[in-house]
Amino acid sequence: MSVGALALGAFVIVMTETLPVGLLPQIAGGLDVSLGLAGLMVLVPGFSAALSAPLFFLRSGRFDRRSVILVLGLAVLLSNAVVAVAPNFVLVLIARMLFGATLGAFWTVVSPVGPKLVGRGGGTRAITIIAAGISGGTVVGLPAGQFLGNLVGWRLTFAIAAAATLLVVVVQALVLPAVPPDGRTNLRDLVAVVRRRAARFGMAAGAVVFIGQFTAWTYITPFLTDHTQLSSGVISLLYVIYGGGGIVGSIVAGSLFKRGVIGSFAGAATVVAALLIGLACVGSVPWLAGLLLVLWGLFWGIVNPGTLVWILDAAPETPEAASAVNVTNLQIALAAGSGLGAVLVSSTTLQTVFLAAGFMVLAAALLAAVAARLVTLARRQ
C-alpha cells in the first residue's frame, strides 16, 4: 500500500503537470495571451524543477521522507489553487514556478524511496508501479483538461485538481510509514554521479528523448484539433487510451529491464520515433492518428521509467544523488522541448513539429544503442 501511495503522489504530480496541455487554447483566450506564450505553463515548471532538485538534495538530508512527501503534496495543492483564482498570466506563471520547484523535489526523493519500502529485490517493481502512476496522471490530466475545461472552464478545472491533491495527501498521511533519510547529501555525491560514464550516456540519451517527446507532446491538442480535425470528445477518449497504454508499458517495462535497461530503452525509443514521424506524415487520417497516438503511449510507458532506472543503476550507491541529477537533466530537457515546440509552432507547421520531434527521439535511440556497447550497468533484480 505504501508504494501505491507514492504512485498516487506521482499521479497527482503528473496530472498537475499535464493539465495545461489540454487547456492551452482556453487559458490563452481567457488571459488574452498567445498560444505560444500560454505554453510557458509547461516550460517554466521544467526550469524551476531543474534548479530545485539538486538544491533540495543538498538541503534535505536530515528530514524524514514521509514528512517531506506530505509537505510537497500541500505545495502542489497551493499551486493549483492559485492558478484557479489568478487574475493575470504573471500570477499563473508564479504558481507554476512553485509547482515546478515542488516537482523537482518530489522526483528527487520519491524515486529512491519506492525501492526502500519494498527492499532491493523489489526495487524495479516499485519504480514501475510509480511509473504507472505517472501514466495514470496522464490518463486523468489530459482528458480532464479537455472534458472539464469544456464543461466548467479552466479555472474550476484547476480547483478540482487542488481538491484531488488534498485527497491524495490525506491517503499518504494514513498509509506512508516513516522513511529516514540516507544522510548522504553532499555535493561530491552529485559530482560523482555525473563523472560516471554510464550515467553521462544515460543523461545524454534521456535529455534528447525528452526534448523530442515534449516538443511534440506540448502541442498534441492543437495537432489533433486543427490538423487531424478530431472533436474534443474523441480527443479526450484517445488521451485516456494513451494513458492506459502507458500504464501497460510501465508494467511490461519491469520485465524488460531485467533483461537489459539500455537495450529496452533503445528499442522502445526507436518505436516512439517511428510513431511521431508517422503522425507527421499521416496524422490527417483520423483512425491512423488515433492508432499511432495509442501506440505512442504504450512505448513511452517503457522509455520514461527507463531514463530513471538507467541512472539509478549507473550509481546504485547514491540513489538520491542519481535521482536529483536525473530530475535536473530531464526537466531542463522537458523545458527545452516545450520551448522548441513553441518556436516551431509559431514559425512552421504542426506537422514539422512532430517530424522534428521524431528525429530527435530517433537520435536518442541511436545514442542508447552506442551506449549498450560501451557501458555496463548494475544488474537489476
Protein backbone atom coordinates (compact mmCIF):
# COMPACT_ATOMS: atom_id res chain seq x y z
CA MET A 1 0.00 0.00 0.00
CA SER A 2 2.86 2.39 0.72
CA VAL A 3 4.26 2.10 -2.81
CA GLY A 4 0.71 2.62 -4.08
CA ALA A 5 0.55 5.85 -2.06
CA LEU A 6 3.74 7.01 -3.78
CA ALA A 7 2.13 6.12 -7.13
CA LEU A 8 -0.82 8.31 -6.12
CA GLY A 9 1.63 11.13 -5.48
CA ALA A 10 3.15 10.58 -8.91
CA PHE A 11 -0.38 10.53 -10.31
CA VAL A 12 -1.30 13.94 -8.88
CA ILE A 13 2.07 15.47 -9.80
CA VAL A 14 1.78 14.38 -13.44
CA MET A 15 -1.90 15.31 -13.56
CA THR A 16 -0.97 18.83 -12.50
CA GLU A 17 1.96 18.90 -14.91
CA THR A 18 -0.10 17.79 -17.92
CA LEU A 19 -3.35 19.60 -17.11
CA PRO A 20 -2.40 22.79 -19.03
CA VAL A 21 -1.66 20.78 -22.20
CA GLY A 22 -5.36 20.08 -22.70
CA LEU A 23 -6.31 23.61 -21.62
CA LEU A 24 -3.80 25.77 -23.50
CA PRO A 25 -6.29 27.22 -26.02
CA GLN A 26 -8.77 28.07 -23.23
CA ILE A 27 -6.12 29.58 -20.95
CA ALA A 28 -4.67 31.63 -23.81
CA GLY A 29 -8.12 33.00 -24.62
CA GLY A 30 -9.13 33.56 -21.02
CA LEU A 31 -5.99 35.50 -20.10
CA ASP A 32 -5.62 37.17 -23.50
CA VAL A 33 -2.20 35.73 -24.35
CA SER A 34 -0.91 33.88 -27.42
CA LEU A 35 -0.87 30.08 -27.62
CA GLY A 36 2.92 30.13 -27.67
CA LEU A 37 3.03 32.28 -24.51
CA ALA A 38 0.50 30.03 -22.79
CA GLY A 39 2.92 27.16 -23.48
CA LEU A 40 5.17 28.69 -20.82
CA MET A 41 2.90 26.96 -18.30
CA VAL A 42 4.62 23.76 -19.40
CA LEU A 43 8.08 25.24 -19.94
CA VAL A 44 8.52 27.28 -16.73
CA PRO A 45 7.98 24.40 -14.28
CA GLY A 46 10.73 22.50 -16.05
CA PHE A 47 13.34 25.14 -15.29
CA SER A 48 12.29 25.58 -11.66
CA ALA A 49 12.27 21.79 -11.19
CA ALA A 50 15.75 21.54 -12.68
CA LEU A 51 17.02 24.11 -10.16
CA SER A 52 15.17 22.74 -7.15
CA ALA A 53 16.23 19.09 -7.49
CA PRO A 54 19.93 19.47 -6.58
CA LEU A 55 19.19 22.22 -4.02
CA PHE A 56 16.62 20.01 -2.33
CA PHE A 57 19.05 17.09 -2.31
CA LEU A 58 21.74 19.19 -0.63
CA ARG A 59 19.42 20.74 1.99
CA SER A 60 17.05 17.90 2.91
CA GLY A 61 19.43 15.35 4.36
CA ARG A 62 18.03 15.45 7.91
CA PHE A 63 14.30 15.33 7.12
CA ASP A 64 12.12 12.23 7.27
CA ARG A 65 10.98 11.42 3.73
CA ARG A 66 7.35 10.83 4.76
CA SER A 67 7.06 14.38 6.10
CA VAL A 68 8.77 15.77 3.01
CA ILE A 69 6.36 13.99 0.66
CA LEU A 70 3.34 15.32 2.57
CA VAL A 71 4.64 18.92 2.53
CA LEU A 72 5.34 18.67 -1.19
CA GLY A 73 1.77 17.47 -1.76
CA LEU A 74 0.44 20.53 0.05
CA ALA A 75 2.63 22.75 -2.15
CA VAL A 76 1.07 21.19 -5.26
CA LEU A 77 -2.36 21.88 -3.77
CA LEU A 78 -1.43 25.55 -3.24
CA SER A 79 -0.15 25.91 -6.80
CA ASN A 80 -3.36 24.52 -8.30
CA ALA A 81 -5.48 26.74 -6.06
CA VAL A 82 -3.57 29.88 -7.05
CA VAL A 83 -3.89 29.10 -10.78
CA ALA A 84 -7.65 28.64 -10.27
CA VAL A 85 -8.09 32.21 -8.98
CA ALA A 86 -5.18 34.09 -10.60
CA PRO A 87 -6.33 37.37 -12.19
CA ASN A 88 -3.47 37.51 -14.72
CA PHE A 89 -0.94 35.34 -16.52
CA VAL A 90 2.01 36.55 -14.42
CA LEU A 91 0.49 35.09 -11.24
CA VAL A 92 -0.30 31.89 -13.12
CA LEU A 93 3.38 31.57 -14.05
CA ILE A 94 4.46 32.23 -10.45
CA ALA A 95 2.16 29.43 -9.28
CA ARG A 96 3.58 27.14 -11.95
CA MET A 97 7.11 28.02 -10.80
CA LEU A 98 6.13 26.88 -7.31
CA PHE A 99 4.77 23.68 -8.79
CA GLY A 100 8.00 23.15 -10.74
CA ALA A 101 10.11 23.54 -7.60
CA THR A 102 7.88 21.00 -5.89
CA LEU A 103 8.12 18.69 -8.88
CA GLY A 104 11.92 18.65 -8.78
CA ALA A 105 11.99 17.91 -5.06
CA PHE A 106 9.29 15.22 -5.36
CA TRP A 107 11.07 13.17 -8.01
CA THR A 108 14.39 13.50 -6.18
CA VAL A 109 13.01 11.90 -3.03
CA VAL A 110 10.28 9.56 -4.31
CA SER A 111 12.25 7.54 -6.84
CA PRO A 112 14.72 6.19 -4.22
CA VAL A 113 12.02 5.86 -1.52
CA GLY A 114 10.00 3.34 -3.55
CA PRO A 115 12.72 0.65 -3.51
CA LYS A 116 13.38 1.36 0.21
CA LEU A 117 9.80 0.45 1.06
CA VAL A 118 9.96 -2.98 -0.58
CA GLY A 119 13.63 -3.91 -0.33
CA ARG A 120 16.28 -4.15 -3.03
CA GLY A 121 14.78 -7.27 -4.61
CA GLY A 122 11.57 -5.40 -5.45
CA GLY A 123 13.21 -2.13 -6.46
CA THR A 124 12.42 -2.34 -10.16
CA ARG A 125 8.81 -3.28 -9.48
CA ALA A 126 8.42 -0.31 -7.12
CA ILE A 127 9.77 2.05 -9.76
CA THR A 128 7.47 0.66 -12.44
CA ILE A 129 4.45 0.95 -10.11
CA ILE A 130 5.33 4.61 -9.57
CA ALA A 131 5.73 4.95 -13.33
CA ALA A 132 2.23 3.52 -13.72
CA GLY A 133 1.09 6.39 -11.50
CA ILE A 134 2.77 8.72 -13.99
CA SER A 135 0.72 7.23 -16.81
CA GLY A 136 -2.38 7.38 -14.63
CA GLY A 137 -1.79 11.09 -14.16
CA THR A 138 -1.65 11.43 -17.92
CA VAL A 139 -4.90 9.46 -18.20
CA VAL A 140 -6.63 12.00 -15.96
CA GLY A 141 -4.69 15.19 -16.69
CA LEU A 142 -5.23 15.46 -20.42
CA PRO A 143 -8.84 14.24 -20.64
CA ALA A 144 -9.73 16.35 -17.61
CA GLY A 145 -8.22 19.33 -19.34
CA GLN A 146 -10.40 18.65 -22.35
CA PHE A 147 -13.61 17.48 -20.70
CA LEU A 148 -13.74 19.61 -17.55
CA GLY A 149 -12.40 22.60 -19.41
CA ASN A 150 -15.30 22.44 -21.83
CA LEU A 151 -17.79 21.67 -19.06
CA VAL A 152 -16.85 24.07 -16.24
CA GLY A 153 -13.95 26.18 -17.57
CA TRP A 154 -10.22 26.02 -16.96
CA ARG A 155 -10.31 27.80 -13.58
CA LEU A 156 -12.69 25.37 -11.95
CA THR A 157 -10.71 22.52 -13.50
CA PHE A 158 -7.65 23.62 -11.53
CA ALA A 159 -9.80 23.98 -8.40
CA ILE A 160 -10.91 20.37 -8.84
CA ALA A 161 -7.25 19.37 -9.24
CA ALA A 162 -6.49 21.10 -5.92
CA ALA A 163 -9.23 19.08 -4.22
CA ALA A 164 -7.91 15.85 -5.73
CA THR A 165 -4.44 16.73 -4.46
CA LEU A 166 -5.79 17.18 -0.93
CA LEU A 167 -7.38 13.73 -1.09
CA VAL A 168 -4.07 12.15 -2.14
CA VAL A 169 -2.20 13.90 0.69
CA VAL A 170 -4.71 12.52 3.19
CA VAL A 171 -4.26 8.98 1.84
CA GLN A 172 -0.47 9.31 2.03
CA ALA A 173 -0.67 10.60 5.61
CA LEU A 174 -2.64 7.47 6.54
CA VAL A 175 -0.52 4.78 4.87
CA LEU A 176 3.07 6.00 4.48
CA PRO A 177 5.48 4.88 7.19
CA ALA A 178 8.36 6.97 8.46
CA VAL A 179 11.27 6.84 5.99
CA PRO A 180 14.55 8.14 7.45
CA PRO A 181 16.92 9.90 5.05
CA ASP A 182 20.14 8.33 3.81
CA GLY A 183 22.19 11.12 5.35
CA ARG A 184 24.32 11.37 2.20
CA THR A 185 23.51 14.73 0.69
CA ASN A 186 26.90 16.10 -0.32
CA LEU A 187 27.83 18.00 -3.44
CA ARG A 188 30.54 15.44 -4.12
CA ASP A 189 27.85 12.75 -4.46
CA LEU A 190 26.19 14.73 -7.26
CA VAL A 191 29.56 15.23 -8.96
CA ALA A 192 30.40 11.54 -8.56
CA VAL A 193 27.22 10.58 -10.44
CA VAL A 194 28.00 12.88 -13.35
CA ARG A 195 31.57 11.59 -13.56
CA ARG A 196 30.41 8.06 -14.29
CA ARG A 197 30.45 7.28 -17.99
CA ALA A 198 27.32 5.13 -17.80
CA ALA A 199 25.46 7.98 -16.11
CA ARG A 200 26.66 10.51 -18.69
CA PHE A 201 25.40 8.32 -21.51
CA GLY A 202 22.08 7.95 -19.69
CA MET A 203 21.81 11.69 -19.15
CA ALA A 204 22.52 12.40 -22.82
CA ALA A 205 20.05 9.82 -24.13
CA GLY A 206 17.41 10.88 -21.59
CA ALA A 207 17.80 14.56 -22.42
CA VAL A 208 17.49 14.04 -26.16
CA VAL A 209 14.48 11.74 -25.85
CA PHE A 210 12.70 14.18 -23.52
CA ILE A 211 13.37 17.11 -25.84
CA GLY A 212 11.82 15.16 -28.68
CA GLN A 213 8.88 13.90 -26.60
CA PHE A 214 7.87 17.29 -25.25
CA THR A 215 8.48 19.16 -28.48
CA ALA A 216 5.52 17.15 -29.76
CA TRP A 217 3.55 16.44 -26.58
CA THR A 218 3.12 20.08 -25.56
CA TYR A 219 1.18 20.72 -28.76
CA ILE A 220 -0.67 17.43 -29.14
CA THR A 221 -4.07 19.06 -28.50
CA PRO A 222 -3.74 21.69 -31.29
CA PHE A 223 -2.40 18.94 -33.56
CA LEU A 224 -5.40 16.67 -33.05
CA THR A 225 -7.85 19.57 -33.17
CA ASP A 226 -6.51 21.57 -36.11
CA HIS A 227 -4.63 19.00 -38.20
CA THR A 228 -6.49 15.74 -37.56
CA GLN A 229 -9.83 17.57 -37.18
CA LEU A 230 -10.99 15.48 -34.21
CA SER A 231 -13.71 16.57 -31.79
CA SER A 232 -12.84 17.31 -28.16
CA GLY A 233 -14.77 14.22 -27.03
CA VAL A 234 -12.78 11.90 -29.29
CA ILE A 235 -9.52 13.56 -28.23
CA SER A 236 -10.37 13.04 -24.56
CA LEU A 237 -11.07 9.35 -25.21
CA LEU A 238 -7.76 8.99 -27.05
CA TYR A 239 -5.92 10.58 -24.14
CA VAL A 240 -7.47 8.05 -21.77
CA ILE A 241 -6.37 5.19 -24.02
CA TYR A 242 -2.91 6.79 -24.42
CA GLY A 243 -2.51 6.86 -20.65
CA GLY A 244 -3.84 3.33 -20.31
CA GLY A 245 -1.23 2.23 -22.83
CA GLY A 246 1.39 3.98 -20.74
CA ILE A 247 0.31 2.02 -17.66
CA VAL A 248 0.62 -1.25 -19.60
CA GLY A 249 4.03 -0.16 -20.91
CA SER A 250 5.24 0.66 -17.41
CA ILE A 251 4.18 -2.77 -16.15
CA VAL A 252 5.86 -4.53 -19.07
CA ALA A 253 8.99 -2.41 -18.56
CA GLY A 254 9.75 -4.12 -15.25
CA SER A 255 10.36 -7.45 -17.01
CA LEU A 256 12.22 -5.86 -19.91
CA PHE A 257 14.63 -4.00 -17.64
CA LYS A 258 15.73 -7.27 -16.02
CA ARG A 259 17.00 -8.32 -19.44
CA GLY A 260 18.70 -5.01 -20.15
CA VAL A 261 17.77 -1.43 -19.36
CA ILE A 262 19.72 0.29 -22.12
CA GLY A 263 18.61 -2.11 -24.84
CA SER A 264 14.97 -1.81 -23.74
CA PHE A 265 15.26 1.97 -23.80
CA ALA A 266 16.82 1.95 -27.27
CA GLY A 267 14.19 -0.35 -28.74
CA ALA A 268 11.21 1.50 -27.25
CA ALA A 269 12.63 4.90 -28.24
CA THR A 270 13.04 3.69 -31.82
CA VAL A 271 9.36 2.79 -31.93
CA VAL A 272 8.34 6.16 -30.40
CA ALA A 273 10.41 7.94 -33.07
CA ALA A 274 8.67 5.99 -35.84
CA LEU A 275 5.26 6.82 -34.35
CA LEU A 276 5.99 10.56 -34.16
CA ILE A 277 7.25 10.62 -37.74
CA GLY A 278 4.17 8.63 -38.71
CA LEU A 279 1.91 11.22 -37.07
CA ALA A 280 3.65 13.96 -39.03
CA CYS A 281 3.10 12.08 -42.29
CA VAL A 282 -0.38 10.54 -41.92
CA GLY A 283 -1.79 12.44 -38.93
CA SER A 284 -4.57 13.93 -41.02
CA VAL A 285 -6.21 10.49 -41.25
CA PRO A 286 -8.26 10.22 -38.03
CA TRP A 287 -8.13 6.46 -37.44
CA LEU A 288 -4.42 6.29 -38.21
CA ALA A 289 -3.66 9.24 -35.94
CA GLY A 290 -5.63 7.58 -33.14
CA LEU A 291 -3.80 4.28 -33.54
CA LEU A 292 -0.38 5.94 -33.60
CA LEU A 293 -1.25 8.00 -30.51
CA VAL A 294 -2.26 4.91 -28.53
CA LEU A 295 0.93 3.07 -29.50
CA TRP A 296 2.91 6.19 -28.57
CA GLY A 297 1.50 5.95 -25.05
CA LEU A 298 2.37 2.24 -24.79
CA PHE A 299 6.02 2.62 -25.80
CA TRP A 300 6.58 5.89 -23.95
CA GLY A 301 5.50 3.92 -20.87
CA ILE A 302 8.72 1.93 -21.37
CA VAL A 303 11.01 4.82 -22.31
CA ASN A 304 10.03 7.08 -19.41
CA PRO A 305 10.91 4.78 -16.47
CA GLY A 306 13.90 3.59 -18.48
CA THR A 307 15.54 7.00 -18.12
CA LEU A 308 15.31 6.74 -14.32
CA VAL A 309 16.34 3.09 -13.95
CA TRP A 310 19.35 3.74 -16.22
CA ILE A 311 20.66 6.50 -13.95
CA LEU A 312 19.89 4.63 -10.72
CA ASP A 313 21.73 1.55 -11.98
CA ALA A 314 24.67 3.70 -13.09
CA ALA A 315 25.13 4.94 -9.49
CA PRO A 316 23.43 2.39 -7.19
CA GLU A 317 25.35 3.51 -4.07
CA THR A 318 23.84 7.03 -4.08
CA PRO A 319 20.25 6.72 -5.37
CA GLU A 320 19.06 10.16 -4.18
CA ALA A 321 22.03 11.89 -5.79
CA ALA A 322 21.40 9.95 -9.01
CA SER A 323 17.71 10.83 -8.88
CA ALA A 324 18.47 14.53 -8.32
CA VAL A 325 20.84 14.57 -11.29
CA ASN A 326 18.24 12.79 -13.40
CA VAL A 327 15.48 15.24 -12.43
CA THR A 328 17.60 18.28 -13.27
CA ASN A 329 18.69 16.79 -16.57
CA LEU A 330 15.22 15.72 -17.71
CA GLN A 331 13.41 18.85 -16.55
CA ILE A 332 15.83 21.07 -18.47
CA ALA A 333 15.21 18.82 -21.47
CA LEU A 334 11.44 19.00 -20.95
CA ALA A 335 11.57 22.78 -20.83
CA ALA A 336 13.81 22.88 -23.88
CA GLY A 337 11.43 20.60 -25.77
CA SER A 338 8.42 22.74 -24.86
CA GLY A 339 10.35 25.86 -25.86
CA LEU A 340 11.43 24.33 -29.15
CA GLY A 341 7.85 23.29 -29.81
CA ALA A 342 6.70 26.87 -29.16
CA VAL A 343 9.25 28.22 -31.64
CA LEU A 344 8.34 25.67 -34.28
CA VAL A 345 4.59 26.03 -33.85
CA SER A 346 4.93 29.80 -34.25
CA SER A 347 7.16 29.65 -37.33
CA THR A 348 6.30 26.41 -39.17
CA THR A 349 3.51 23.84 -39.22
CA LEU A 350 2.29 21.31 -36.67
CA GLN A 351 3.48 18.51 -38.95
CA THR A 352 7.00 19.95 -38.85
CA VAL A 353 6.87 19.99 -35.05
CA PHE A 354 6.15 16.26 -34.95
CA LEU A 355 8.66 15.42 -37.67
CA ALA A 356 11.44 17.23 -35.81
CA ALA A 357 10.41 15.56 -32.56
CA GLY A 358 10.53 12.11 -34.17
CA PHE A 359 14.07 12.54 -35.46
CA MET A 360 15.23 13.77 -32.04
CA VAL A 361 13.80 10.68 -30.35
CA LEU A 362 15.49 8.55 -33.01
CA ALA A 363 18.81 10.23 -32.17
CA ALA A 364 18.29 9.25 -28.52
CA ALA A 365 17.68 5.64 -29.55
CA LEU A 366 20.89 5.59 -31.59
CA LEU A 367 22.83 7.08 -28.68
CA ALA A 368 21.47 4.35 -26.40
CA ALA A 369 22.47 1.69 -28.93
CA VAL A 370 26.04 3.01 -28.83
CA ALA A 371 25.97 3.13 -25.02
CA ALA A 372 24.87 -0.51 -24.85
CA ARG A 373 28.21 -1.46 -26.42
CA LEU A 374 30.35 0.77 -24.24
CA VAL A 375 28.98 0.71 -20.68
CA THR A 376 27.63 -1.81 -18.20
CA LEU A 377 25.00 -1.11 -15.52
CA ALA A 378 24.43 -2.74 -12.15
CA ARG A 379 22.20 -5.80 -12.56
CA ARG A 380 18.50 -5.38 -11.73
CA GLN A 381 16.70 -7.89 -9.52
